[in-house]
Amino acid sequence: MPRVTSFLVAIWLAPPIAAAAQAVWQADIRIQAMEVSVVAPNTVAIRVVIASDNDDDAKASRLDLLLPIGVSVLRVTPPCRSGSSALRGPAGRVTCDLGDIPVRGVRDLTVVTSAPPPGGGGRYAAFVMSDTPDPFPSNNYAERTVR
């Protein structure tokens, strides 16, 4: 019987196990605004505003801007680069490595392209993402059509 008593004493004297609150690492990176407008004959400007909300920085953030068929990139805002090896060649997309965006941080980017060919459709799409888990991924995409 002494063995059982000492076993019970050992359990009784053990410190209580505290339920640790699990920290959640997340950042709601989102496209806050996207504007596509004709700024000169045969020239289109695309402005994308990216914002980060929630509790943590959006780590290694990046933006992909998908371009209409036949469109050439004329100018990009650093840290963006054309998907083509040279400016003024058909590109398909523009990629921007935005780095870490702090909580409530904003990035404002502008890309200038040639106008889409007639009848080819002028749909531009933007998708933003980061290495930080995103609780609301539905606001990471925007699409606009130039008319």
C-alpha atoms as a PDB file:
ATOM      1  CA  MET A   1       0.000   0.000   0.000  1.00  0.00           C
ATOM      2  CA  PRO A   2       2.837   2.545   0.574  1.00  0.00           C
ATOM      3  CA  ARG A   3       3.640   2.405  -3.123  1.00  0.00           C
ATOM      4  CA  VAL A   4       0.160   3.508  -4.108  1.00  0.00           C
ATOM      5  CA  THR A   5       0.253   6.302  -1.540  1.00  0.00           C
ATOM      6  CA  SER A   6       3.566   7.626  -2.832  1.00  0.00           C
ATOM      7  CA  PHE A   7       2.251   7.424  -6.402  1.00  0.00           C
ATOM      8  CA  LEU A   8      -0.804   9.446  -5.434  1.00  0.00           C
ATOM      9  CA  VAL A   9       1.346  11.933  -3.569  1.00  0.00           C
ATOM     10  CA  ALA A  10       3.566  12.340  -6.602  1.00  0.00           C
ATOM     11  CA  ILE A  11       0.552  13.097  -8.789  1.00  0.00           C
ATOM     12  CA  TRP A  12      -0.901  15.412  -6.177  1.00  0.00           C
ATOM     13  CA  LEU A  13       2.346  17.397  -5.835  1.00  0.00           C
ATOM     14  CA  ALA A  14       2.942  17.749  -9.569  1.00  0.00           C
ATOM     15  CA  PRO A  15       2.512  21.309 -10.807  1.00  0.00           C
ATOM     16  CA  PRO A  16      -0.676  21.941 -12.766  1.00  0.00           C
ATOM     17  CA  ILE A  17      -0.312  21.936 -16.557  1.00  0.00           C
ATOM     18  CA  ALA A  18      -1.198  25.341 -17.906  1.00  0.00           C
ATOM     19  CA  ALA A  19      -3.036  25.519 -21.196  1.00  0.00           C
ATOM     20  CA  ALA A  20      -0.761  27.602 -23.390  1.00  0.00           C
ATOM     21  CA  ALA A  21      -2.427  30.019 -25.758  1.00  0.00           C
ATOM     22  CA  GLN A  22      -1.337  29.267 -29.279  1.00  0.00           C
ATOM     23  CA  ALA A  23      -0.017  32.296 -31.125  1.00  0.00           C
ATOM     24  CA  VAL A  24      -1.327  32.619 -34.664  1.00  0.00           C
ATOM     25  CA  TRP A  25       0.992  34.091 -37.256  1.00  0.00           C
ATOM     26  CA  GLN A  26      -1.082  35.754 -39.997  1.00  0.00           C
ATOM     27  CA  ALA A  27      -1.265  38.780 -42.252  1.00  0.00           C
ATOM     28  CA  ASP A  28      -4.189  39.777 -44.429  1.00  0.00           C
ATOM     29  CA  ILE A  29      -2.345  41.018 -47.500  1.00  0.00           C
ATOM     30  CA  ARG A  30      -4.832  42.384 -50.012  1.00  0.00           C
ATOM     31  CA  ILE A  31      -5.331  44.456 -53.120  1.00  0.00           C
ATOM     32  CA  GLN A  32      -6.718  47.695 -51.755  1.00  0.00           C
ATOM     33  CA  ALA A  33      -7.178  49.327 -55.176  1.00  0.00           C
ATOM     34  CA  MET A  34      -6.560  48.603 -58.842  1.00  0.00           C
ATOM     35  CA  GLU A  35      -7.006  51.198 -61.570  1.00  0.00           C
ATOM     36  CA  VAL A  36      -6.471  50.673 -65.292  1.00  0.00           C
ATOM     37  CA  SER A  37      -6.688  53.737 -67.508  1.00  0.00           C
ATOM     38  CA  VAL A  38      -5.693  54.967 -70.950  1.00  0.00           C
ATOM     39  CA  VAL A  39      -3.171  57.764 -70.324  1.00  0.00           C
ATOM     40  CA  ALA A  40      -2.103  58.497 -73.927  1.00  0.00           C
ATOM     41  CA  PRO A  41      -2.863  57.067 -77.345  1.00  0.00           C
ATOM     42  CA  ASN A  42      -1.858  53.397 -77.288  1.00  0.00           C
ATOM     43  CA  THR A  43      -0.648  53.652 -73.661  1.00  0.00           C
ATOM     44  CA  VAL A  44      -2.278  52.165 -70.546  1.00  0.00           C
ATOM     45  CA  ALA A  45      -1.322  52.773 -66.914  1.00  0.00           C
ATOM     46  CA  ILE A  46      -2.087  50.176 -64.259  1.00  0.00           C
ATOM     47  CA  ARG A  47      -1.928  51.288 -60.630  1.00  0.00           C
ATOM     48  CA  VAL A  48      -2.121  48.648 -57.900  1.00  0.00           C
ATOM     49  CA  VAL A  49      -2.236  49.457 -54.183  1.00  0.00           C
ATOM     50  CA  ILE A  50      -1.395  46.597 -51.814  1.00  0.00           C
ATOM     51  CA  ALA A  51      -2.096  46.738 -48.073  1.00  0.00           C
ATOM     52  CA  SER A  52      -1.304  44.437 -45.165  1.00  0.00           C
ATOM     53  CA  ASP A  53      -3.550  44.127 -42.114  1.00  0.00           C
ATOM     54  CA  ASN A  54      -3.861  41.854 -39.071  1.00  0.00           C
ATOM     55  CA  ASP A  55      -1.252  41.084 -36.459  1.00  0.00           C
ATOM     56  CA  ASP A  56       1.978  40.300 -38.296  1.00  0.00           C
ATOM     57  CA  ASP A  57       4.132  41.454 -41.183  1.00  0.00           C
ATOM     58  CA  ALA A  58       3.405  39.968 -44.599  1.00  0.00           C
ATOM     59  CA  LYS A  59       6.763  38.260 -45.218  1.00  0.00           C
ATOM     60  CA  ALA A  60       8.281  37.915 -48.705  1.00  0.00           C
ATOM     61  CA  SER A  61       5.293  39.588 -50.380  1.00  0.00           C
ATOM     62  CA  ARG A  62       4.938  39.552 -54.136  1.00  0.00           C
ATOM     63  CA  LEU A  63       2.546  40.710 -56.839  1.00  0.00           C
ATOM     64  CA  ASP A  64       1.868  39.144 -60.219  1.00  0.00           C
ATOM     65  CA  LEU A  65       0.182  41.385 -62.773  1.00  0.00           C
ATOM     66  CA  LEU A  66      -1.192  39.384 -65.704  1.00  0.00           C
ATOM     67  CA  LEU A  67      -1.362  41.316 -68.968  1.00  0.00           C
ATOM     68  CA  PRO A  68      -3.621  40.968 -72.019  1.00  0.00           C
ATOM     69  CA  ILE A  69      -2.270  39.115 -75.050  1.00  0.00           C
ATOM     70  CA  GLY A  70      -0.093  41.302 -77.278  1.00  0.00           C
ATOM     71  CA  VAL A  71       0.647  43.956 -74.640  1.00  0.00           C
ATOM     72  CA  SER A  72       4.199  45.210 -74.136  1.00  0.00           C
ATOM     73  CA  VAL A  73       5.561  46.647 -70.909  1.00  0.00           C
ATOM     74  CA  LEU A  74       6.800  50.219 -71.380  1.00  0.00           C
ATOM     75  CA  ARG A  75       7.694  51.165 -67.792  1.00  0.00           C
ATOM     76  CA  VAL A  76       7.631  49.512 -64.358  1.00  0.00           C
ATOM     77  CA  THR A  77       8.006  50.835 -60.830  1.00  0.00           C
ATOM     78  CA  PRO A  78      10.853  49.182 -58.908  1.00  0.00           C
ATOM     79  CA  PRO A  79      10.866  46.499 -57.484  1.00  0.00           C
ATOM     80  CA  CYS A  80       8.843  45.206 -60.440  1.00  0.00           C
ATOM     81  CA  ARG A  81      10.211  43.532 -63.537  1.00  0.00           C
ATOM     82  CA  SER A  82       8.757  42.570 -66.866  1.00  0.00           C
ATOM     83  CA  GLY A  83       8.156  38.937 -67.707  1.00  0.00           C
ATOM     84  CA  SER A  84       9.913  39.651 -70.995  1.00  0.00           C
ATOM     85  CA  SER A  85      13.687  39.804 -71.300  1.00  0.00           C
ATOM     86  CA  ALA A  86      13.413  43.361 -72.622  1.00  0.00           C
ATOM     87  CA  LEU A  87      10.999  46.235 -72.278  1.00  0.00           C
ATOM     88  CA  ARG A  88       8.744  46.907 -75.244  1.00  0.00           C
ATOM     89  CA  GLY A  89       8.459  43.192 -76.069  1.00  0.00           C
ATOM     90  CA  PRO A  90       5.309  41.129 -75.398  1.00  0.00           C
ATOM     91  CA  ALA A  91       5.494  40.254 -71.727  1.00  0.00           C
ATOM     92  CA  GLY A  92       2.466  38.347 -70.480  1.00  0.00           C
ATOM     93  CA  ARG A  93       3.060  39.430 -66.896  1.00  0.00           C
ATOM     94  CA  VAL A  94       4.900  41.710 -64.500  1.00  0.00           C
ATOM     95  CA  THR A  95       6.286  40.389 -61.212  1.00  0.00           C
ATOM     96  CA  CYS A  96       7.001  42.575 -58.187  1.00  0.00           C
ATOM     97  CA  ASP A  97       9.014  41.309 -55.212  1.00  0.00           C
ATOM     98  CA  LEU A  98       7.702  43.562 -52.440  1.00  0.00           C
ATOM     99  CA  GLY A  99       9.664  42.133 -49.516  1.00  0.00           C
ATOM    100  CA  ASP A 100       8.156  42.327 -46.036  1.00  0.00           C
ATOM    101  CA  ILE A 101       5.148  44.613 -45.661  1.00  0.00           C
ATOM    102  CA  PRO A 102       4.589  45.716 -42.051  1.00  0.00           C
ATOM    103  CA  VAL A 103       1.205  45.647 -40.323  1.00  0.00           C
ATOM    104  CA  ARG A 104      -0.953  48.398 -41.869  1.00  0.00           C
ATOM    105  CA  GLY A 105       1.773  48.948 -44.490  1.00  0.00           C
ATOM    106  CA  VAL A 106       0.940  49.979 -48.046  1.00  0.00           C
ATOM    107  CA  ARG A 107       2.745  49.594 -51.382  1.00  0.00           C
ATOM    108  CA  ASP A 108       1.712  51.662 -54.410  1.00  0.00           C
ATOM    109  CA  LEU A 109       2.928  50.408 -57.798  1.00  0.00           C
ATOM    110  CA  THR A 110       2.463  51.661 -61.356  1.00  0.00           C
ATOM    111  CA  VAL A 111       3.073  49.782 -64.592  1.00  0.00           C
ATOM    112  CA  VAL A 112       2.730  51.360 -68.042  1.00  0.00           C
ATOM    113  CA  THR A 113       1.966  49.144 -71.026  1.00  0.00           C
ATOM    114  CA  SER A 114       1.016  49.455 -74.645  1.00  0.00           C
ATOM    115  CA  ALA A 115      -2.702  49.301 -75.344  1.00  0.00           C
ATOM    116  CA  PRO A 116      -4.166  45.875 -76.067  1.00  0.00           C
ATOM    117  CA  PRO A 117      -4.757  45.137 -79.748  1.00  0.00           C
ATOM    118  CA  PRO A 118      -8.279  45.851 -81.011  1.00  0.00           C
ATOM    119  CA  GLY A 119     -10.621  42.928 -80.489  1.00  0.00           C
ATOM    120  CA  GLY A 120      -8.094  41.145 -78.285  1.00  0.00           C
ATOM    121  CA  GLY A 121      -9.699  42.109 -74.991  1.00  0.00           C
ATOM    122  CA  GLY A 122      -8.088  44.336 -72.444  1.00  0.00           C
ATOM    123  CA  ARG A 123      -8.325  42.354 -69.204  1.00  0.00           C
ATOM    124  CA  TYR A 124      -5.626  42.964 -66.583  1.00  0.00           C
ATOM    125  CA  ALA A 125      -5.468  40.827 -63.438  1.00  0.00           C
ATOM    126  CA  ALA A 126      -3.451  41.209 -60.235  1.00  0.00           C
ATOM    127  CA  PHE A 127      -2.717  38.613 -57.573  1.00  0.00           C
ATOM    128  CA  VAL A 128      -0.826  39.384 -54.347  1.00  0.00           C
ATOM    129  CA  MET A 129       0.548  36.832 -51.885  1.00  0.00           C
ATOM    130  CA  SER A 130       3.103  36.401 -49.115  1.00  0.00           C
ATOM    131  CA  ASP A 131       4.797  33.639 -47.148  1.00  0.00           C
ATOM    132  CA  THR A 132       2.698  34.570 -44.099  1.00  0.00           C
ATOM    133  CA  PRO A 133      -0.586  32.629 -43.757  1.00  0.00           C
ATOM    134  CA  ASP A 134      -3.487  34.763 -44.990  1.00  0.00           C
ATOM    135  CA  PRO A 135      -6.833  34.484 -43.140  1.00  0.00           C
ATOM    136  CA  PHE A 136      -8.750  36.137 -46.030  1.00  0.00           C
ATOM    137  CA  PRO A 137      -7.261  35.065 -49.388  1.00  0.00           C
ATOM    138  CA  SER A 138     -10.394  36.123 -51.287  1.00  0.00           C
ATOM    139  CA  ASN A 139      -9.178  39.757 -51.338  1.00  0.00           C
ATOM    140  CA  ASN A 140      -5.815  38.877 -52.926  1.00  0.00           C
ATOM    141  CA  TYR A 141      -7.136  39.118 -56.510  1.00  0.00           C
ATOM    142  CA  ALA A 142      -8.470  41.949 -58.667  1.00  0.00           C
ATOM    143  CA  GLU A 143      -9.318  42.202 -62.329  1.00  0.00           C
ATOM    144  CA  ARG A 144     -10.007  45.237 -64.496  1.00  0.00           C
ATOM    145  CA  THR A 145     -10.772  45.791 -68.167  1.00  0.00           C
ATOM    146  CA  VAL A 146      -9.525  48.767 -70.149  1.00  0.00           C
ATOM    147  CA  ARG A 147     -12.057  50.199 -72.567  1.00  0.00           C
END
